Amino acid sequence: MTTVAVVAVAALALSLVATPLAMALARRTGILDHPGPLKPHAAPVPYLGGVAVFVGAMPGVVIGRPVVLAPLAMALALGVADDVSHLPPWFRLAGATVIGVVVVAVVPTHLASALGALLVVAVTVLLINGVNLLDGLDALAAGVTAAACGAFALLLHGATRDMAVAFAFSLVGFLAYNRPPARVYLGDGGAYLLGAALAVMVARAWAPGVRYPVGVASLLLVALPSAEVAFTVVRRLRGRRALAEGDRGHSYDRLVARGVPAGVVSLVYITAQVVLGGVALVVSVPRSVIPAVTAAVAVAVALTVAGAGGGVLTPEGEAGP
């Protein structure tokens, strides 16, 4: 078996075993997502799914660039702490920023030093929050991220490919328990972990020696979580709500409110991510035909899906068009 195949099999097997163990640990320690005004499920659901995903992805990370474990472990720890203690927004933002700085330290890029560092930190903070915002329906964040990691595995090479494969197959194993109706959630720990993992892959796409079109293509693979952040910020500002205040006004929430089954909504998002992955691979090909136009089409797909709830820029409490 090739290294990639070994990583895939190991990640899938570890995730399938680790997820029920994480569920049991969450129940024993009381780390549960309880029903509430913003929680539509009927009974408490275990968190700590992110721990299982981390365990599953470990082989692919360790055999490649084990130094990348630092920002990934930090992201998981920050998120689990938030699941347990509901950390204040400023602390979460500071933590995400520190994680971004660590990504800069362990993943060199060929961008101008100061500007490149700032961009990597900003992308890390953006994606940690973006995946967290997408984590509102069963299988949504995990499915979208698995599709993105699959595309990264085709786009990149070497250690980063191993990491992408590991996360993709670890998430497939997790989805066996997270598919509707979900028996376990990623929790903030899992969402922050996946956001940090995507940030590492984007940074690796801009590493020295990697062709410029590959870096551009990598941005398409994170368009959905990025768009979700943008729409959420604009919607909450227009509604004069605190940026850190949760709501059920996300595009996927509005689709569900209009009668679309939650599982179908998640599938639509995952399909859109697969389309973005295909377009990203086209854009990354040397001398590809009109890559700028293709990229624009892909971004339009992401924005359309993110805005499909209807009137996503409408302040909460007002009807969309």
Protein backbone atom coordinates (compact mmCIF):
# COMPACT_ATOMS: atom_id res chain seq x y z
CA MET A 1 0.00 0.00 0.00
CA THR A 2 1.14 3.55 -0.70
CA THR A 3 1.69 6.02 2.12
CA VAL A 4 -1.49 7.87 1.18
CA ALA A 5 -3.51 4.65 1.31
CA VAL A 6 -2.06 3.73 4.71
CA VAL A 7 -2.87 7.19 6.06
CA ALA A 8 -6.43 6.99 4.71
CA VAL A 9 -7.13 3.56 6.20
CA ALA A 10 -5.54 4.47 9.54
CA ALA A 11 -7.44 7.77 9.79
CA LEU A 12 -10.77 6.15 8.98
CA ALA A 13 -10.26 3.25 11.41
CA LEU A 14 -9.04 5.46 14.25
CA SER A 15 -11.93 7.89 13.80
CA LEU A 16 -14.53 5.12 13.76
CA VAL A 17 -13.13 3.80 17.05
CA ALA A 18 -12.32 7.13 18.70
CA THR A 19 -15.68 8.81 18.07
CA PRO A 20 -17.81 6.54 20.31
CA LEU A 21 -15.08 6.76 22.96
CA ALA A 22 -15.21 10.56 22.76
CA MET A 23 -19.00 10.39 23.05
CA ALA A 24 -18.73 8.28 26.20
CA LEU A 25 -16.13 10.65 27.67
CA ALA A 26 -18.35 13.66 26.91
CA ARG A 27 -21.31 12.04 28.67
CA ARG A 28 -19.19 11.07 31.67
CA THR A 29 -17.73 14.58 32.04
CA GLY A 30 -20.95 16.43 31.21
CA ILE A 31 -19.55 18.10 28.08
CA LEU A 32 -22.92 18.11 26.30
CA ASP A 33 -24.82 20.46 24.02
CA HIS A 34 -28.11 21.01 25.82
CA PRO A 35 -31.33 22.11 24.07
CA GLY A 36 -32.07 25.82 24.24
CA PRO A 37 -33.33 28.85 22.28
CA LEU A 38 -30.51 28.46 19.74
CA LYS A 39 -30.33 24.67 20.04
CA PRO A 40 -33.16 22.95 18.14
CA HIS A 41 -32.28 19.38 19.13
CA ALA A 42 -34.59 17.66 21.62
CA ALA A 43 -32.03 16.01 23.93
CA PRO A 44 -28.43 16.69 25.05
CA VAL A 45 -25.84 15.66 22.46
CA PRO A 46 -22.20 14.90 23.33
CA TYR A 47 -19.48 17.28 22.24
CA LEU A 48 -15.81 16.24 21.88
CA GLY A 49 -16.26 14.98 18.32
CA GLY A 50 -13.29 17.16 17.48
CA VAL A 51 -11.11 15.07 19.78
CA ALA A 52 -11.97 11.96 17.74
CA VAL A 53 -11.23 13.78 14.47
CA PHE A 54 -7.87 14.88 15.89
CA VAL A 55 -7.00 11.33 16.89
CA GLY A 56 -7.94 10.04 13.45
CA ALA A 57 -5.89 12.68 11.66
CA MET A 58 -2.79 12.17 13.80
CA PRO A 59 -1.05 9.58 11.57
CA GLY A 60 -1.12 11.82 8.51
CA VAL A 61 0.20 14.79 10.47
CA VAL A 62 2.91 12.95 12.39
CA ILE A 63 4.50 11.19 9.39
CA GLY A 64 4.66 14.45 7.47
CA ARG A 65 5.37 17.66 9.40
CA PRO A 66 4.76 16.90 13.09
CA VAL A 67 5.51 20.53 13.94
CA VAL A 68 2.05 21.32 12.54
CA LEU A 69 0.60 19.52 15.55
CA ALA A 70 1.27 22.68 17.60
CA PRO A 71 -1.38 24.98 16.09
CA LEU A 72 -3.82 22.08 15.63
CA ALA A 73 -3.56 21.00 19.28
CA MET A 74 -3.85 24.62 20.41
CA ALA A 75 -7.02 25.10 18.35
CA LEU A 76 -8.57 21.92 19.73
CA ALA A 77 -7.69 22.91 23.30
CA LEU A 78 -9.11 26.42 22.88
CA GLY A 79 -12.35 25.07 21.47
CA VAL A 80 -12.80 22.40 24.11
CA ALA A 81 -12.18 25.03 26.79
CA ASP A 82 -14.91 27.13 25.14
CA ASP A 83 -17.27 24.13 25.13
CA VAL A 84 -16.67 23.63 28.85
CA SER A 85 -16.42 27.21 30.14
CA HIS A 86 -17.96 29.48 27.47
CA LEU A 87 -14.92 31.70 27.09
CA PRO A 88 -15.44 35.46 26.55
CA PRO A 89 -15.27 36.64 22.92
CA TRP A 90 -12.09 38.63 23.43
CA PHE A 91 -10.31 35.56 24.79
CA ARG A 92 -11.42 33.42 21.83
CA LEU A 93 -10.24 36.09 19.39
CA ALA A 94 -6.91 36.43 21.18
CA GLY A 95 -6.50 32.66 21.19
CA ALA A 96 -7.27 32.37 17.48
CA THR A 97 -4.77 35.15 16.78
CA VAL A 98 -2.05 33.34 18.73
CA ILE A 99 -2.82 30.16 16.79
CA GLY A 100 -2.40 32.16 13.58
CA VAL A 101 1.00 33.37 14.77
CA VAL A 102 2.03 29.77 15.42
CA VAL A 103 0.86 28.80 11.90
CA VAL A 104 3.14 31.55 10.57
CA ALA A 105 6.02 30.12 12.59
CA VAL A 106 5.64 26.52 11.40
CA VAL A 107 4.47 27.05 7.81
CA PRO A 108 6.72 29.34 5.74
CA THR A 109 5.20 31.14 2.76
CA HIS A 110 6.72 32.98 -0.19
CA LEU A 111 4.65 36.10 0.49
CA ALA A 112 6.38 39.28 1.65
CA SER A 113 7.40 38.63 5.26
CA ALA A 114 5.36 41.16 7.26
CA LEU A 115 2.36 41.24 4.94
CA GLY A 116 2.42 37.49 4.49
CA ALA A 117 2.47 36.92 8.23
CA LEU A 118 -0.48 39.25 8.76
CA LEU A 119 -2.44 37.54 5.98
CA VAL A 120 -1.82 34.06 7.39
CA VAL A 121 -2.92 35.19 10.86
CA ALA A 122 -6.03 36.82 9.39
CA VAL A 123 -6.88 33.70 7.36
CA THR A 124 -6.45 31.53 10.45
CA VAL A 125 -8.81 33.69 12.52
CA LEU A 126 -11.26 33.84 9.61
CA LEU A 127 -11.38 30.08 9.09
CA ILE A 128 -11.58 29.17 12.77
CA ASN A 129 -14.66 31.37 13.01
CA GLY A 130 -15.97 30.37 9.58
CA VAL A 131 -16.06 26.65 10.30
CA ASN A 132 -17.59 27.38 13.69
CA LEU A 133 -20.37 29.38 12.04
CA LEU A 134 -21.02 26.56 9.56
CA ASP A 135 -21.35 24.07 12.40
CA GLY A 136 -25.09 24.58 12.84
CA LEU A 137 -26.62 21.51 11.17
CA ASP A 138 -25.88 17.81 11.37
CA ALA A 139 -23.00 16.85 9.03
CA LEU A 140 -22.70 20.39 7.63
CA ALA A 141 -19.31 21.62 8.87
CA ALA A 142 -17.77 18.14 8.89
CA GLY A 143 -19.03 17.35 5.39
CA VAL A 144 -17.92 20.66 3.87
CA THR A 145 -14.49 20.40 5.48
CA ALA A 146 -14.08 16.76 4.40
CA ALA A 147 -14.80 17.79 0.80
CA ALA A 148 -12.34 20.69 1.08
CA CYS A 149 -9.64 18.40 2.49
CA GLY A 150 -10.23 15.93 -0.33
CA ALA A 151 -9.61 18.71 -2.84
CA PHE A 152 -6.51 19.87 -0.95
CA ALA A 153 -5.21 16.28 -1.15
CA LEU A 154 -5.45 16.48 -4.95
CA LEU A 155 -4.09 20.02 -5.11
CA LEU A 156 -1.01 19.65 -2.88
CA HIS A 157 1.80 17.14 -2.49
CA GLY A 158 4.07 15.58 0.11
CA ALA A 159 3.41 16.08 3.81
CA THR A 160 0.46 18.41 3.23
CA ARG A 161 -1.24 15.82 1.04
CA ASP A 162 -0.86 13.26 3.84
CA MET A 163 -2.40 15.73 6.29
CA ALA A 164 -5.30 16.52 3.96
CA VAL A 165 -6.00 12.83 3.36
CA ALA A 166 -5.87 12.15 7.08
CA PHE A 167 -8.39 14.86 7.90
CA ALA A 168 -10.67 13.91 5.01
CA PHE A 169 -10.89 10.25 6.06
CA SER A 170 -11.03 11.03 9.76
CA LEU A 171 -14.03 13.23 9.02
CA VAL A 172 -15.63 10.46 6.95
CA GLY A 173 -15.39 8.19 9.99
CA PHE A 174 -16.80 10.93 12.22
CA LEU A 175 -19.70 11.51 9.82
CA ALA A 176 -20.86 7.95 10.46
CA TYR A 177 -21.98 9.31 13.87
CA ASN A 178 -22.60 12.95 12.91
CA ARG A 179 -24.96 12.32 9.99
CA PRO A 180 -28.61 13.23 10.68
CA PRO A 181 -29.78 12.63 13.32
CA ALA A 182 -26.38 13.37 14.84
CA ARG A 183 -25.30 11.37 17.88
CA VAL A 184 -22.24 13.58 18.46
CA TYR A 185 -21.19 17.10 17.57
CA LEU A 186 -17.81 18.53 16.64
CA GLY A 187 -18.17 21.12 19.37
CA ASP A 188 -16.13 24.29 19.30
CA GLY A 189 -13.08 22.08 19.78
CA GLY A 190 -13.70 20.33 16.48
CA ALA A 191 -14.71 23.50 14.63
CA TYR A 192 -11.61 25.38 15.76
CA LEU A 193 -9.44 22.37 14.91
CA LEU A 194 -10.82 22.14 11.37
CA GLY A 195 -10.50 25.88 10.83
CA ALA A 196 -6.86 25.75 11.90
CA ALA A 197 -6.23 22.70 9.69
CA LEU A 198 -7.66 24.50 6.66
CA ALA A 199 -5.51 27.54 7.47
CA VAL A 200 -2.39 25.36 7.54
CA MET A 201 -3.31 23.89 4.14
CA VAL A 202 -3.93 27.32 2.64
CA ALA A 203 -0.56 28.52 3.97
CA ARG A 204 1.12 25.42 2.51
CA ALA A 205 -0.41 26.29 -0.86
CA TRP A 206 1.55 29.54 -0.72
CA ALA A 207 4.80 27.92 0.42
CA PRO A 208 8.09 28.54 -1.43
CA GLY A 209 8.29 26.44 -4.56
CA VAL A 210 4.53 26.07 -4.96
CA ARG A 211 3.12 27.57 -8.15
CA TYR A 212 1.07 30.77 -7.83
CA PRO A 213 -2.11 29.25 -9.40
CA VAL A 214 -2.12 26.62 -6.65
CA GLY A 215 -2.22 29.35 -4.02
CA VAL A 216 -5.10 31.08 -5.80
CA ALA A 217 -6.95 27.77 -6.11
CA SER A 218 -6.57 27.13 -2.38
CA LEU A 219 -8.59 30.26 -1.63
CA LEU A 220 -11.55 28.80 -3.53
CA LEU A 221 -11.50 25.78 -1.23
CA VAL A 222 -12.24 27.97 1.80
CA ALA A 223 -14.77 30.25 0.08
CA LEU A 224 -17.82 28.79 1.86
CA PRO A 225 -16.70 29.34 5.47
CA SER A 226 -15.28 32.73 4.47
CA ALA A 227 -18.59 33.76 2.89
CA GLU A 228 -20.47 32.64 5.99
CA VAL A 229 -18.32 34.93 8.13
CA ALA A 230 -18.87 37.87 5.77
CA PHE A 231 -22.64 37.46 5.64
CA THR A 232 -22.88 36.94 9.39
CA VAL A 233 -20.88 40.08 10.17
CA VAL A 234 -22.91 42.23 7.77
CA ARG A 235 -26.23 40.81 8.97
CA ARG A 236 -25.43 41.37 12.63
CA LEU A 237 -24.09 44.87 12.04
CA ARG A 238 -27.23 45.82 10.11
CA GLY A 239 -29.35 44.30 12.85
CA ARG A 240 -27.32 46.19 15.48
CA ARG A 241 -26.49 42.94 17.23
CA ALA A 242 -23.21 42.06 18.90
CA LEU A 243 -20.88 40.26 16.49
CA ALA A 244 -20.25 37.51 19.04
CA GLU A 245 -23.95 37.01 19.80
CA GLY A 246 -25.34 33.77 18.41
CA ASP A 247 -28.48 33.59 16.28
CA ARG A 248 -30.43 31.26 14.01
CA GLY A 249 -30.30 33.61 11.04
CA HIS A 250 -27.60 31.83 9.03
CA SER A 251 -28.38 30.97 5.44
CA TYR A 252 -28.75 27.28 6.25
CA ASP A 253 -31.11 28.12 9.14
CA ARG A 254 -33.32 30.13 6.81
CA LEU A 255 -33.46 27.31 4.30
CA VAL A 256 -34.59 24.95 7.06
CA ALA A 257 -37.14 27.52 8.23
CA ARG A 258 -38.54 27.58 4.70
CA GLY A 259 -39.20 23.86 4.86
CA VAL A 260 -36.07 22.38 3.30
CA PRO A 261 -35.02 19.28 5.28
CA ALA A 262 -31.87 19.90 7.30
CA GLY A 263 -30.14 16.88 5.74
CA VAL A 264 -30.83 18.24 2.26
CA VAL A 265 -29.42 21.64 3.21
CA SER A 266 -26.21 20.03 4.44
CA LEU A 267 -25.99 18.00 1.23
CA VAL A 268 -26.40 21.16 -0.87
CA TYR A 269 -23.53 22.82 0.95
CA ILE A 270 -21.32 19.75 0.62
CA THR A 271 -22.14 19.53 -3.10
CA ALA A 272 -21.25 23.19 -3.53
CA GLN A 273 -17.91 22.51 -1.83
CA VAL A 274 -17.26 19.61 -4.21
CA VAL A 275 -17.98 21.95 -7.14
CA LEU A 276 -15.57 24.51 -5.71
CA GLY A 277 -12.98 21.76 -5.36
CA GLY A 278 -13.34 20.82 -9.00
CA VAL A 279 -13.02 24.43 -10.11
CA ALA A 280 -9.98 24.91 -7.87
CA LEU A 281 -8.25 21.98 -9.57
CA VAL A 282 -8.96 23.55 -12.98
CA VAL A 283 -7.60 26.90 -11.82
CA SER A 284 -4.42 25.24 -10.51
CA VAL A 285 -3.53 23.69 -13.89
CA PRO A 286 -0.69 25.57 -15.64
CA ARG A 287 -1.97 27.71 -18.49
CA SER A 288 -5.55 26.83 -17.66
CA VAL A 289 -8.16 28.61 -19.78
CA ILE A 290 -9.46 31.86 -18.37
CA PRO A 291 -8.73 30.93 -14.74
CA ALA A 292 -9.93 34.32 -13.52
CA VAL A 293 -13.38 33.77 -15.04
CA THR A 294 -13.51 30.25 -13.65
CA ALA A 295 -12.55 31.49 -10.21
CA ALA A 296 -15.24 34.17 -10.37
CA VAL A 297 -17.85 31.54 -11.21
CA ALA A 298 -16.71 29.43 -8.25
CA VAL A 299 -16.92 32.36 -5.87
CA ALA A 300 -20.41 33.07 -7.21
CA VAL A 301 -21.38 29.49 -6.32
CA ALA A 302 -20.14 29.99 -2.77
CA LEU A 303 -21.95 33.29 -2.38
CA THR A 304 -25.15 31.87 -3.86
CA VAL A 305 -25.16 28.96 -1.43
CA ALA A 306 -24.26 31.16 1.51
CA GLY A 307 -27.07 33.54 0.56
CA ALA A 308 -29.60 30.90 -0.40
CA GLY A 309 -31.51 31.29 2.82
CA GLY A 310 -32.98 34.40 1.28
CA GLY A 311 -32.16 37.89 2.46
CA VAL A 312 -29.13 36.85 4.49
CA LEU A 313 -28.15 40.47 4.77
CA THR A 314 -31.50 41.29 6.30
CA PRO A 315 -31.25 42.09 10.00
CA GLU A 316 -32.49 39.34 12.29
CA GLY A 317 -36.19 39.64 12.93
CA GLU A 318 -37.02 41.14 9.51
CA ALA A 319 -38.34 39.17 6.60
CA GLY A 320 -36.10 38.54 3.65
CA PRO A 321 -37.18 39.38 0.08
